[in-house]
Amino acid sequence: MSFWLYILRCADASYYIGHTDDLEKRIAEHNWGKVSPYTRKRRPLHLVFADEFPTRLEALERERQLKGWSRAKKEALIKGNWTRLRELARHL
């Protein structure tokens, strides 16, 4: 079984980060307003990034890591801009 780390862009341009074992179902639940009070108030939502992991623990650890990142780092990851991501990591 695979687990997914995902990033949603909310209607207010904020980001929501989570993990799940069923990505399609979880995105639908967010858009139906069934999962999180945060996303319920910020619909519609769009999946902007997803990464697959072999274990729930790895997906959760990555979720926690990304939640600590700046908006600029999250956006560099979403865009796949590895150069910018490295630059931002050096400025910590």
C-alpha atoms as a PDB file:
ATOM      1  CA  MET A   1       0.000   0.000   0.000  1.00  0.00           C
ATOM      2  CA  SER A   2       1.234   3.488  -0.852  1.00  0.00           C
ATOM      3  CA  PHE A   3       0.781   6.703   1.096  1.00  0.00           C
ATOM      4  CA  TRP A   4       0.640  10.188  -0.300  1.00  0.00           C
ATOM      5  CA  LEU A   5       1.852  13.566   0.872  1.00  0.00           C
ATOM      6  CA  TYR A   6      -0.220  16.248  -0.847  1.00  0.00           C
ATOM      7  CA  ILE A   7      -0.473  20.016  -1.084  1.00  0.00           C
ATOM      8  CA  LEU A   8      -3.735  21.773  -1.884  1.00  0.00           C
ATOM      9  CA  ARG A   9      -4.020  25.375  -3.007  1.00  0.00           C
ATOM     10  CA  CYS A  10      -7.074  26.897  -1.365  1.00  0.00           C
ATOM     11  CA  ALA A  11      -9.391  29.542  -2.832  1.00  0.00           C
ATOM     12  CA  ASP A  12      -7.699  32.186  -0.643  1.00  0.00           C
ATOM     13  CA  ALA A  13      -4.285  31.177  -2.127  1.00  0.00           C
ATOM     14  CA  SER A  14      -3.145  29.529   1.108  1.00  0.00           C
ATOM     15  CA  TYR A  15      -1.739  25.995   1.117  1.00  0.00           C
ATOM     16  CA  TYR A  16      -2.942  22.946   3.000  1.00  0.00           C
ATOM     17  CA  ILE A  17      -0.612  19.979   3.482  1.00  0.00           C
ATOM     18  CA  GLY A  18      -1.743  16.494   4.436  1.00  0.00           C
ATOM     19  CA  HIS A  19      -1.173  12.802   3.892  1.00  0.00           C
ATOM     20  CA  THR A  20      -3.430   9.878   3.024  1.00  0.00           C
ATOM     21  CA  ASP A  21      -3.526   6.346   1.666  1.00  0.00           C
ATOM     22  CA  ASP A  22      -6.235   7.231  -0.913  1.00  0.00           C
ATOM     23  CA  LEU A  23      -5.394  10.479  -2.667  1.00  0.00           C
ATOM     24  CA  GLU A  24      -8.457  10.773  -4.926  1.00  0.00           C
ATOM     25  CA  LYS A  25     -10.863  10.044  -2.070  1.00  0.00           C
ATOM     26  CA  ARG A  26      -9.137  12.510   0.272  1.00  0.00           C
ATOM     27  CA  ILE A  27      -9.176  15.347  -2.277  1.00  0.00           C
ATOM     28  CA  ALA A  28     -12.885  14.720  -2.890  1.00  0.00           C
ATOM     29  CA  GLU A  29     -13.529  14.722   0.882  1.00  0.00           C
ATOM     30  CA  HIS A  30     -11.744  18.061   1.209  1.00  0.00           C
ATOM     31  CA  ASN A  31     -13.792  19.537  -1.641  1.00  0.00           C
ATOM     32  CA  TRP A  32     -17.010  18.219  -0.080  1.00  0.00           C
ATOM     33  CA  GLY A  33     -16.051  19.892   3.214  1.00  0.00           C
ATOM     34  CA  LYS A  34     -15.853  16.615   5.153  1.00  0.00           C
ATOM     35  CA  VAL A  35     -12.240  16.516   6.320  1.00  0.00           C
ATOM     36  CA  SER A  36     -10.809  19.707   7.710  1.00  0.00           C
ATOM     37  CA  PRO A  37     -12.358  22.883   9.105  1.00  0.00           C
ATOM     38  CA  TYR A  38      -9.465  24.777   7.520  1.00  0.00           C
ATOM     39  CA  THR A  39     -10.195  23.604   3.981  1.00  0.00           C
ATOM     40  CA  ARG A  40     -13.973  23.639   4.481  1.00  0.00           C
ATOM     41  CA  LYS A  41     -13.840  27.436   4.688  1.00  0.00           C
ATOM     42  CA  ARG A  42     -11.457  27.791   1.737  1.00  0.00           C
ATOM     43  CA  ARG A  43     -13.059  25.843  -1.106  1.00  0.00           C
ATOM     44  CA  PRO A  44     -12.636  25.231  -3.972  1.00  0.00           C
ATOM     45  CA  LEU A  45      -9.337  23.445  -3.546  1.00  0.00           C
ATOM     46  CA  HIS A  46      -6.830  22.349  -6.161  1.00  0.00           C
ATOM     47  CA  LEU A  47      -4.216  19.637  -5.856  1.00  0.00           C
ATOM     48  CA  VAL A  48      -0.891  21.267  -6.727  1.00  0.00           C
ATOM     49  CA  PHE A  49       1.599  18.656  -5.517  1.00  0.00           C
ATOM     50  CA  ALA A  50       1.647  14.992  -4.510  1.00  0.00           C
ATOM     51  CA  ASP A  51       4.449  12.604  -3.639  1.00  0.00           C
ATOM     52  CA  GLU A  52       4.164   8.880  -2.983  1.00  0.00           C
ATOM     53  CA  PHE A  53       5.783   7.072  -0.020  1.00  0.00           C
ATOM     54  CA  PRO A  54       5.993   3.397   0.903  1.00  0.00           C
ATOM     55  CA  THR A  55       4.904   3.923   4.533  1.00  0.00           C
ATOM     56  CA  ARG A  56       2.517   6.188   6.435  1.00  0.00           C
ATOM     57  CA  LEU A  57       5.363   7.226   8.740  1.00  0.00           C
ATOM     58  CA  GLU A  58       7.459   8.520   5.820  1.00  0.00           C
ATOM     59  CA  ALA A  59       4.504  10.477   4.414  1.00  0.00           C
ATOM     60  CA  LEU A  60       3.748  11.928   7.858  1.00  0.00           C
ATOM     61  CA  GLU A  61       7.383  12.905   8.439  1.00  0.00           C
ATOM     62  CA  ARG A  62       7.449  14.705   5.082  1.00  0.00           C
ATOM     63  CA  GLU A  63       4.148  16.432   5.908  1.00  0.00           C
ATOM     64  CA  ARG A  64       5.593  17.726   9.168  1.00  0.00           C
ATOM     65  CA  GLN A  65       8.734  18.910   7.389  1.00  0.00           C
ATOM     66  CA  LEU A  66       6.822  20.831   4.718  1.00  0.00           C
ATOM     67  CA  LYS A  67       4.467  22.429   7.245  1.00  0.00           C
ATOM     68  CA  GLY A  68       7.553  24.126   8.709  1.00  0.00           C
ATOM     69  CA  TRP A  69       8.636  25.538   5.349  1.00  0.00           C
ATOM     70  CA  SER A  70       8.134  29.091   4.170  1.00  0.00           C
ATOM     71  CA  ARG A  71       5.608  29.847   1.453  1.00  0.00           C
ATOM     72  CA  ALA A  72       8.501  30.497  -0.947  1.00  0.00           C
ATOM     73  CA  LYS A  73       9.970  27.026  -0.335  1.00  0.00           C
ATOM     74  CA  LYS A  74       6.580  25.363  -0.787  1.00  0.00           C
ATOM     75  CA  GLU A  75       6.072  27.205  -4.075  1.00  0.00           C
ATOM     76  CA  ALA A  76       9.534  26.236  -5.315  1.00  0.00           C
ATOM     77  CA  LEU A  77       8.705  22.589  -4.555  1.00  0.00           C
ATOM     78  CA  ILE A  78       5.319  22.846  -6.286  1.00  0.00           C
ATOM     79  CA  LYS A  79       6.955  24.360  -9.389  1.00  0.00           C
ATOM     80  CA  GLY A  80       9.791  21.821  -9.339  1.00  0.00           C
ATOM     81  CA  ASN A  81      12.288  24.682  -9.130  1.00  0.00           C
ATOM     82  CA  TRP A  82      15.118  22.762  -7.472  1.00  0.00           C
ATOM     83  CA  THR A  83      17.630  25.598  -7.879  1.00  0.00           C
ATOM     84  CA  ARG A  84      15.383  28.028  -5.997  1.00  0.00           C
ATOM     85  CA  LEU A  85      14.604  25.396  -3.367  1.00  0.00           C
ATOM     86  CA  ARG A  86      18.330  24.876  -2.716  1.00  0.00           C
ATOM     87  CA  GLU A  87      18.870  28.657  -2.499  1.00  0.00           C
ATOM     88  CA  LEU A  88      16.061  29.016   0.031  1.00  0.00           C
ATOM     89  CA  ALA A  89      17.390  26.089   2.076  1.00  0.00           C
ATOM     90  CA  ARG A  90      20.802  27.752   2.342  1.00  0.00           C
ATOM     91  CA  HIS A  91      19.322  30.913   3.787  1.00  0.00           C
ATOM     92  CA  LEU A  92      18.008  29.283   6.948  1.00  0.00           C
END
